[in-house]
């Protein structure tokens, strides 16, 4: 969604690109932790990238109205923040710290998008 908003709404592009960059960092960190915790058997071939990341088709299309686009980004960030915060207490310490940092970053998007 953030990449789509950045492409569709020049006035929101800077903030939306920052949100998109943050979310990519989160996805990469969480994926690395999943790989670390559940290593795949060695097969000799590197794993293929996921379809969504490889094709560039991550997320939803941007709303046409800039105000609706900003609201959609705010809602998506708030939802991600709540989901991450809800997980923290059920995770081991290292993962809790990782997920808490994702929650905090998502919360900061409200300021970035203000």
Protein backbone atom coordinates (compact mmCIF):
# COMPACT_ATOMS: atom_id res chain seq x y z
CA UNK A 1 0.00 0.00 0.00
CA UNK A 2 2.72 2.48 0.93
CA UNK A 3 4.54 2.02 -2.39
CA UNK A 4 1.26 2.45 -4.28
CA UNK A 5 0.47 5.63 -2.33
CA UNK A 6 3.96 6.99 -3.03
CA UNK A 7 3.50 6.36 -6.75
CA UNK A 8 -0.04 7.76 -6.93
CA UNK A 9 0.24 10.82 -4.67
CA UNK A 10 3.35 12.99 -5.03
CA UNK A 11 2.45 15.06 -1.96
CA UNK A 12 2.52 11.90 0.18
CA UNK A 13 5.44 10.25 -1.61
CA UNK A 14 8.18 11.07 0.92
CA UNK A 15 6.25 9.82 3.93
CA UNK A 16 4.82 6.83 2.08
CA UNK A 17 8.29 5.78 0.87
CA UNK A 18 9.57 5.95 4.44
CA UNK A 19 6.69 3.76 5.64
CA UNK A 20 7.37 1.30 2.79
CA UNK A 21 11.09 1.20 3.60
CA UNK A 22 10.38 0.58 7.29
CA UNK A 23 7.95 -2.23 6.48
CA UNK A 24 10.50 -3.88 4.15
CA UNK A 25 13.09 -3.77 6.94
CA UNK A 26 10.53 -5.34 9.30
CA UNK A 27 9.67 -8.08 6.82
CA UNK A 28 13.35 -8.85 6.23
CA UNK A 29 14.15 -8.97 9.96
CA UNK A 30 11.16 -11.17 10.74
CA UNK A 31 11.94 -13.47 7.80
CA UNK A 32 15.55 -13.78 8.97
CA UNK A 33 14.35 -14.74 12.44
CA UNK A 34 11.99 -17.36 11.04
CA UNK A 35 14.83 -18.80 8.93
CA UNK A 36 17.15 -18.78 11.94
CA UNK A 37 14.59 -20.51 14.15
CA UNK A 38 13.59 -23.08 11.53
CA UNK A 39 16.56 -23.74 9.25
CA UNK A 40 15.76 -25.45 5.98
CA UNK A 41 17.66 -28.56 4.95
CA UNK A 42 20.67 -27.86 2.72
CA UNK A 43 19.74 -28.57 -0.89
CA UNK A 44 22.49 -26.81 -2.80
CA UNK A 45 20.12 -24.35 -4.48
CA UNK A 46 19.35 -20.98 -2.94
CA UNK A 47 15.74 -20.43 -1.93
CA UNK A 48 13.59 -18.63 -4.49
CA UNK A 49 12.26 -15.24 -3.48
CA UNK A 50 8.63 -15.09 -2.49
CA UNK A 51 6.21 -14.34 -5.31
CA UNK A 52 4.98 -11.05 -3.90
CA UNK A 53 8.43 -9.63 -3.22
CA UNK A 54 9.85 -10.92 -6.51
CA UNK A 55 7.06 -9.55 -8.68
CA UNK A 56 6.82 -6.22 -6.88
CA UNK A 57 3.11 -6.70 -6.30
CA UNK A 58 3.12 -6.17 -2.55
CA UNK A 59 0.03 -4.65 -1.03
CA UNK A 60 -3.10 -2.92 -2.14
CA UNK A 61 -3.74 -0.24 -4.72
CA UNK A 62 -3.75 3.33 -3.45
CA UNK A 63 -7.05 5.09 -2.91
CA UNK A 64 -7.62 7.79 -5.53
CA UNK A 65 -8.22 10.57 -3.01
CA UNK A 66 -5.03 11.74 -1.22
CA UNK A 67 -6.81 12.11 2.13
CA UNK A 68 -8.20 8.59 1.81
CA UNK A 69 -4.72 7.33 0.88
CA UNK A 70 -3.22 8.93 4.01
CA UNK A 71 -6.03 7.46 6.12
CA UNK A 72 -5.49 4.01 4.60
CA UNK A 73 -1.77 4.18 5.44
CA UNK A 74 -2.52 5.33 8.98
CA UNK A 75 -5.03 2.51 9.48
CA UNK A 76 -2.69 -0.10 8.05
CA UNK A 77 0.16 1.07 10.29
CA UNK A 78 -2.10 1.17 13.35
CA UNK A 79 -3.35 -2.34 12.60
CA UNK A 80 0.20 -3.66 12.20
CA UNK A 81 1.21 -1.92 15.43
CA UNK A 82 -1.67 -3.54 17.36
CA UNK A 83 -0.96 -6.98 15.90
CA UNK A 84 2.72 -6.76 16.79
CA UNK A 85 2.04 -5.39 20.28
CA UNK A 86 -0.44 -8.20 20.94
CA UNK A 87 2.25 -10.80 20.16
CA UNK A 88 5.03 -9.40 22.34
CA UNK A 89 4.04 -10.98 25.66
CA UNK A 90 3.78 -14.47 24.14
CA UNK A 91 7.25 -14.47 22.57
CA UNK A 92 10.72 -15.37 23.85
CA UNK A 93 12.79 -12.32 24.83
CA UNK A 94 14.76 -11.86 21.62
CA UNK A 95 11.69 -12.22 19.43
CA UNK A 96 9.69 -10.01 21.79
CA UNK A 97 12.29 -7.27 21.34
CA UNK A 98 12.20 -7.66 17.58
CA UNK A 99 8.40 -7.57 17.41
CA UNK A 100 8.22 -4.70 19.93
CA UNK A 101 10.55 -2.68 17.70
CA UNK A 102 8.22 -3.36 14.77
CA UNK A 103 5.27 -2.18 16.88
CA UNK A 104 7.12 0.99 17.89
CA UNK A 105 8.10 1.75 14.32
CA UNK A 106 4.52 1.26 13.13
CA UNK A 107 3.34 3.62 15.88
CA UNK A 108 5.84 6.23 14.67
CA UNK A 109 4.21 6.18 11.23
CA UNK A 110 1.39 8.29 12.65
CA UNK A 111 3.93 11.06 13.14
CA UNK A 112 5.54 10.52 9.72
CA UNK A 113 2.13 10.71 8.04
CA UNK A 114 0.88 13.72 10.05
